Protein backbone atom coordinates (compact mmCIF):
# COMPACT_ATOMS: atom_id res chain seq x y z
CA MET A 1 -22.33 -12.17 3.40
CA GLY A 2 -21.67 -15.65 4.83
CA LYS A 3 -18.63 -16.05 7.05
CA ARG A 4 -17.77 -19.29 5.30
CA THR A 5 -17.46 -17.43 1.97
CA ILE A 6 -15.30 -14.71 3.53
CA LYS A 7 -13.03 -17.29 5.14
CA LYS A 8 -12.62 -19.09 1.81
CA ILE A 9 -11.58 -15.84 0.09
CA LEU A 10 -9.18 -14.74 2.82
CA LYS A 11 -7.67 -18.10 3.85
CA THR A 12 -3.92 -17.45 3.83
CA GLU A 13 -0.78 -19.32 4.80
CA ILE A 14 1.91 -17.46 6.73
CA GLN A 15 4.24 -15.98 4.12
CA ASN A 16 7.99 -15.43 4.01
CA THR A 17 10.23 -12.81 2.40
CA ARG A 18 12.69 -15.03 0.56
CA GLU A 19 13.94 -13.55 -2.69
CA ASN A 20 12.74 -16.42 -4.86
CA ASN A 21 9.13 -16.60 -3.66
CA GLU A 22 6.13 -15.32 -5.60
CA SER A 23 5.67 -12.21 -3.46
CA SER A 24 9.25 -11.06 -3.99
CA LYS A 25 8.97 -11.65 -7.73
CA LYS A 26 5.87 -9.47 -7.87
CA ARG A 27 7.56 -6.75 -5.84
CA LYS A 28 10.59 -6.75 -8.16
CA PHE A 29 8.36 -6.66 -11.23
CA ASN A 30 6.54 -3.56 -9.99
CA ILE A 31 9.79 -1.89 -8.91
CA ASN A 32 11.16 -2.39 -12.41
CA TRP A 33 7.95 -0.95 -13.87
CA ILE A 34 8.47 2.25 -11.89
CA GLU A 35 12.16 2.34 -12.81
CA ASN A 36 11.28 2.28 -16.52
CA LEU A 37 8.73 5.10 -16.48
CA PRO A 38 9.68 8.02 -18.79
CA ARG A 39 11.40 10.86 -16.93
CA THR A 40 12.74 13.07 -19.71
CA ASN A 41 12.31 16.78 -18.84
CA LEU A 42 10.54 15.95 -15.57
CA ASN A 43 11.56 17.56 -12.28
CA TYR A 44 10.04 17.48 -8.81
CA GLN A 45 7.70 20.45 -8.22
CA ILE A 46 8.40 21.84 -11.67
CA LYS A 47 6.98 19.35 -14.15
CA GLU A 48 5.59 15.97 -13.11
CA ASN A 49 3.61 13.11 -14.59
CA GLN A 50 0.46 11.68 -13.04
CA ILE A 51 -0.67 8.14 -13.92
CA LEU A 52 -4.20 7.03 -13.09
CA ILE A 53 -4.13 3.73 -11.19
CA THR A 54 -7.79 3.24 -10.25
CA ASP A 55 -10.98 5.13 -9.49
CA THR A 56 -13.85 4.69 -7.11
CA LYS A 57 -17.32 6.17 -7.37
CA THR A 58 -16.06 9.41 -5.85
CA GLU A 59 -12.25 9.50 -6.23
CA GLU A 60 -9.37 8.95 -8.62
CA VAL A 61 -6.20 7.38 -7.22
CA SER A 62 -2.99 8.09 -9.13
CA ILE A 63 0.77 8.04 -8.78
CA GLN A 64 2.65 11.29 -9.37
CA TYR A 65 6.36 11.44 -10.08
CA PRO A 66 9.17 12.37 -9.67
CA GLY A 67 8.80 12.60 -5.88
CA LYS A 68 10.61 14.83 -3.42
CA GLU A 69 13.31 12.26 -2.69
CA SER A 70 14.33 12.35 -6.35
CA ALA A 71 15.57 15.95 -6.08
CA LEU A 72 19.24 16.28 -7.01
CA THR A 73 19.72 18.71 -4.13
CA ARG A 74 19.35 15.81 -1.67
CA GLU A 75 22.47 14.09 -0.35
CA LYS A 76 21.36 10.72 -1.70
CA PRO A 77 18.56 11.25 -4.26
CA LYS A 78 16.25 8.36 -5.10
CA PRO A 79 15.15 8.89 -8.72
CA TRP A 80 12.33 6.31 -8.61
CA ASP A 81 10.50 8.14 -5.83
CA PHE A 82 6.81 8.94 -6.41
CA ARG A 83 3.75 9.72 -4.32
CA PRO A 84 0.10 8.64 -4.41
CA VAL A 85 -2.50 11.36 -4.92
CA ILE A 86 -6.28 11.26 -4.57
CA LEU A 87 -8.56 13.53 -6.56
CA GLU A 88 -12.15 14.08 -5.44
CA LYS A 89 -14.28 13.86 -8.58
CA ALA A 90 -17.10 16.12 -7.40
CA THR A 91 -14.85 19.08 -6.62
CA ASN A 92 -11.82 18.28 -8.80
CA ASN A 93 -9.70 18.97 -5.73
CA TYR A 94 -6.94 16.86 -4.24
CA ILE A 95 -7.55 15.24 -0.88
CA ASN A 96 -4.59 15.78 1.44
CA ASN A 97 -5.93 14.39 4.71
CA ILE A 98 -3.27 11.67 4.93
CA ASN A 99 0.38 12.36 4.17
CA SER A 100 2.36 9.82 6.20
CA PHE A 101 2.26 6.34 7.70
CA VAL A 102 2.01 7.91 11.16
CA GLN A 103 -1.21 9.66 10.14
CA ILE A 104 -2.54 6.42 8.67
CA TRP A 105 -1.88 4.55 11.90
CA GLY A 106 -3.63 7.32 13.80
CA GLU A 107 -6.68 7.22 11.52
CA LEU A 108 -6.86 3.43 11.80
CA PHE A 109 -6.62 3.51 15.57
CA GLU A 110 -9.28 6.21 15.89
CA ILE A 111 -11.93 4.61 13.69
CA LEU A 112 -11.34 1.05 14.91
CA GLU A 113 -11.19 1.98 18.59
CA SER A 114 -14.70 3.43 18.33
CA THR A 115 -16.15 0.28 16.74
CA LYS A 116 -14.09 -2.57 18.21
CA ASN A 117 -16.75 -3.81 20.63
CA LYS A 118 -19.31 -4.40 17.87
CA GLU A 119 -17.11 -5.01 14.85
CA SER A 120 -14.21 -7.19 15.97
CA TYR A 121 -14.95 -9.70 13.19
CA ASN A 122 -14.71 -7.07 10.44
CA ILE A 123 -11.63 -5.56 12.06
CA ARG A 124 -9.92 -8.96 11.84
CA VAL A 125 -10.98 -9.12 8.19
CA LEU A 126 -9.30 -5.75 7.62
CA ALA A 127 -6.12 -6.93 9.35
CA THR A 128 -6.05 -9.97 7.06
CA LEU A 129 -6.56 -7.76 4.02
CA PHE A 130 -3.51 -5.70 5.00
CA TYR A 131 -1.49 -8.87 5.54
CA ARG A 132 -2.44 -10.06 2.06
CA MET A 133 -1.59 -6.61 0.66
CA ALA A 134 1.84 -6.76 2.27
CA PHE A 135 2.67 -9.93 0.34
CA MET A 136 0.76 -8.91 -2.83
CA LEU A 137 -1.56 -11.91 -2.66
CA ASP A 138 -4.40 -9.91 -4.22
CA HIS A 139 -2.28 -8.37 -6.99
CA LYS A 140 -2.89 -9.60 -10.52
CA LEU A 141 -0.97 -9.14 -13.76
CA CYS A 142 -2.87 -8.40 -16.97
CA THR A 143 -0.76 -9.79 -19.82
CA LEU A 144 -1.93 -7.14 -22.29
CA LYS A 145 -0.91 -3.51 -22.53
CA GLN A 146 -3.64 -1.21 -21.27
CA LYS A 147 -4.52 2.34 -22.19
CA THR A 148 -3.85 4.45 -19.15
CA ARG A 149 -4.36 8.16 -18.60
CA ILE A 150 -1.21 10.20 -18.07
CA ARG A 151 -1.35 13.88 -17.18
CA CYS A 152 1.59 16.26 -17.28
CA ILE A 153 1.19 18.64 -14.34
CA THR A 154 2.86 21.71 -12.91
CA PRO A 155 2.41 20.67 -9.27
CA LEU A 156 2.75 24.04 -7.55
CA ASP A 157 -0.52 25.20 -9.11
CA ASN A 158 -1.91 21.77 -10.12
CA ILE A 159 -2.44 22.90 -13.70
CA VAL A 160 -2.75 20.07 -16.22
CA LYS A 161 -0.48 20.95 -19.14
CA ASN A 162 -1.25 17.86 -21.17
CA GLU A 163 -3.38 14.72 -20.98
CA ILE A 164 -2.93 11.59 -23.08
CA PHE A 165 -3.96 7.95 -23.02
CA VAL A 166 -1.00 5.64 -23.51
CA GLU A 167 -0.63 1.87 -23.74
CA LEU A 168 1.61 1.09 -20.78
CA ASN A 169 3.24 -2.21 -20.01
CA PRO A 170 1.22 -4.21 -17.48
CA TRP A 171 1.99 -4.17 -13.79
CA TYR A 172 0.71 -6.16 -10.85
CA ARG A 173 -2.48 -4.31 -9.98
CA TYR A 174 -4.07 -4.46 -6.55
CA GLU A 175 -7.47 -6.12 -6.95
CA PRO A 176 -9.04 -6.92 -3.58
CA SER A 177 -12.18 -9.02 -3.51
CA GLU A 178 -15.31 -6.96 -4.12
CA ILE A 179 -17.10 -9.27 -1.70
CA ILE A 180 -14.67 -8.32 1.05
CA LEU A 181 -14.86 -4.61 0.21
CA LYS A 182 -18.65 -4.76 0.38
CA GLN A 183 -18.50 -6.51 3.74
CA LEU A 184 -16.10 -3.98 5.26
CA SER A 185 -17.86 -0.96 3.77
CA LYS A 186 -20.93 -1.74 5.85
CA THR A 187 -19.13 -0.66 9.01
CA MET A 188 -16.18 1.45 7.78
CA PRO A 189 -17.20 3.09 4.49
CA PHE A 190 -14.70 5.92 5.03
CA ILE A 191 -11.28 6.11 6.69
CA GLY A 192 -9.41 9.39 6.95
CA GLY A 193 -12.01 11.23 4.89
CA ILE A 194 -11.74 8.94 1.86
CA SER A 195 -13.61 5.83 0.80
CA LEU A 196 -12.40 2.47 2.09
CA LYS A 197 -11.40 1.43 -1.43
CA ALA A 198 -9.37 4.60 -2.01
CA PHE A 199 -7.77 4.18 1.43
CA LEU A 200 -6.63 0.66 0.57
CA TYR A 201 -5.25 1.66 -2.82
CA TYR A 202 -3.50 4.67 -1.30
CA ASN A 203 -1.75 2.39 1.19
CA ASP A 204 -0.78 -0.05 -1.54
CA LEU A 205 0.84 2.77 -3.53
CA LEU A 206 2.70 4.09 -0.48
CA ALA A 207 4.05 0.60 0.14
CA TRP A 208 5.03 0.24 -3.53
CA ASN A 209 7.01 3.48 -3.29
CA GLU A 210 8.78 2.28 -0.15
CA ASP A 211 9.94 -0.79 -2.08
CA CYS A 212 11.25 1.40 -4.90
CA LYS A 213 13.23 3.66 -2.59
CA TYR A 214 14.83 0.87 -0.56
CA TYR A 215 15.58 -1.32 -3.56
CA TYR A 216 17.27 1.63 -5.30
CA ARG A 217 19.34 2.20 -2.15
CA ASN A 218 20.39 -1.45 -2.03
CA ARG A 219 21.22 -1.57 -5.72
CA THR A 220 23.47 1.49 -5.48
CA GLU A 221 24.98 0.92 -2.04
CA LYS A 222 24.77 -2.82 -1.29
CA GLN A 223 25.52 -4.51 -4.61
CA GLY A 224 21.88 -5.26 -5.34
CA LYS A 225 21.12 -7.14 -2.12
CA TRP A 226 17.42 -7.98 -1.90
CA ILE A 227 15.50 -5.81 0.57
CA GLY A 228 13.59 -8.69 2.19
CA PRO A 229 10.81 -7.39 4.46
CA THR A 230 12.18 -3.82 4.36
CA GLY A 231 9.75 -1.47 2.62
CA ARG A 232 6.27 -2.61 1.73
CA ILE A 233 6.07 -5.62 4.04
CA ASN A 234 7.30 -4.00 7.26
CA ASN A 235 5.15 -0.91 6.70
CA LEU A 236 1.93 -2.76 5.98
CA LEU A 237 2.51 -5.29 8.75
CA THR A 238 2.78 -2.32 11.10
CA HIS A 239 -0.82 -1.57 10.08
CA VAL A 240 -1.63 -5.09 11.27
CA ALA A 241 0.13 -4.41 14.57
CA ILE A 242 -1.91 -1.24 15.16
CA ILE A 243 -5.10 -3.22 14.54
CA GLY A 244 -3.84 -5.87 16.98
CA LEU A 245 -3.29 -3.15 19.58
CA VAL A 246 -6.88 -1.94 19.17
CA LEU A 247 -8.25 -5.44 19.72
CA GLY A 248 -5.88 -6.19 22.59
CA ASP A 249 -4.15 -9.06 20.80
CA ILE A 250 -0.78 -7.30 20.60
CA LYS A 251 0.74 -5.55 23.60
CA LEU A 252 1.73 -1.90 23.43
CA GLN A 253 5.19 -2.62 24.83
CA ASN A 254 5.82 -5.11 22.04
CA ILE A 255 4.88 -2.54 19.38
CA LEU A 256 6.96 0.22 20.98
CA GLY A 257 9.94 -2.07 21.41
CA ARG A 258 9.93 -2.99 17.73
CA PHE A 259 9.50 0.66 16.71
CA THR A 260 12.71 1.39 18.64
CA ARG A 261 14.66 -1.49 17.11
CA THR A 262 13.49 -1.27 13.50
CA ARG A 263 13.55 2.45 12.71
CA GLY A 264 9.93 3.49 12.60
CA VAL A 265 8.12 0.26 11.78
CA SER A 266 6.75 -2.46 14.04
CA PRO A 267 5.84 -5.66 12.16
CA PRO A 268 4.29 -8.28 14.47
CA ILE A 269 5.66 -11.80 14.79
CA ASN A 270 3.81 -14.69 13.13
CA GLU A 271 2.22 -15.91 16.36
CA GLU A 272 0.68 -12.48 16.95
CA ILE A 273 -0.60 -12.34 13.37
CA ILE A 274 -2.23 -15.77 13.62
CA THR A 275 -3.96 -14.81 16.89
CA LEU A 276 -5.20 -11.50 15.48
CA CYS A 277 -6.38 -12.92 12.13
CA ASN A 278 -8.01 -15.94 13.73
CA ASN A 279 -9.51 -18.40 11.19
CA PHE A 280 -8.04 -16.52 8.23
CA ILE A 281 -4.25 -16.93 8.55
CA HIS A 282 -2.56 -20.18 9.51
CA LYS A 283 0.83 -21.85 9.52
CA LYS A 284 1.85 -23.82 6.47
CA ILE A 285 0.82 -27.43 6.71
CA GLU A 286 3.91 -29.58 6.31
CA GLU A 287 3.58 -32.32 3.70
């Protein structure tokens, strides 16, 4: 795949988190979609719904709700909470190799550290892909309702009680370039025991859920104040920071300092992002 083609696909201006920009509008749209999912007679770990989001050749990636933070026994329940799940088609078993952002950062560091000397170009491509994911630049809205599989599940034993196909309202779906996926899959076909495509979708769904939880908190406690970079953006930009650490473009002390100040995330500053994603991400050209 020619580098000129890849650069054309990935070329990205530095983004911002203002409430009225396109990224924020997409985030709000998807938060509202989750808010409006049916929840009648559903309870965490008793009876949950599972909605198929996408599938790969070997896996199905779904969202399952309500999540654990929705439980009424919690001090401040978040009713929109959900979790991504990955089903391995061949075995019909769920893959539970990755359960937290900390594990994801560990998996990223491990696989990239072993290939950084030969694959720095593709690693920078991956960093750019995460940056674009953070701001939903590769998310597209289908204007038509689509039939989507919904399973009703008893999660403690993973028994499917019911399965239907329902026309759901559209949402902004993550649709990364197949050209880019093909390029990256040459050197990192699997991350954390799942395919690259499933790994990317899994991260997108985790970030989507973070937006839902923080926006619900702000709406109930802060008079609906917009969350800004809190949630999806800060979490996915921390992925970018870990990649920058692997390549030596971002210093460890900078990452650790931001982890301390920002409660478990470490988004890099724009100058670090531009250095790491060289040729792909640039400052906005003033008119």
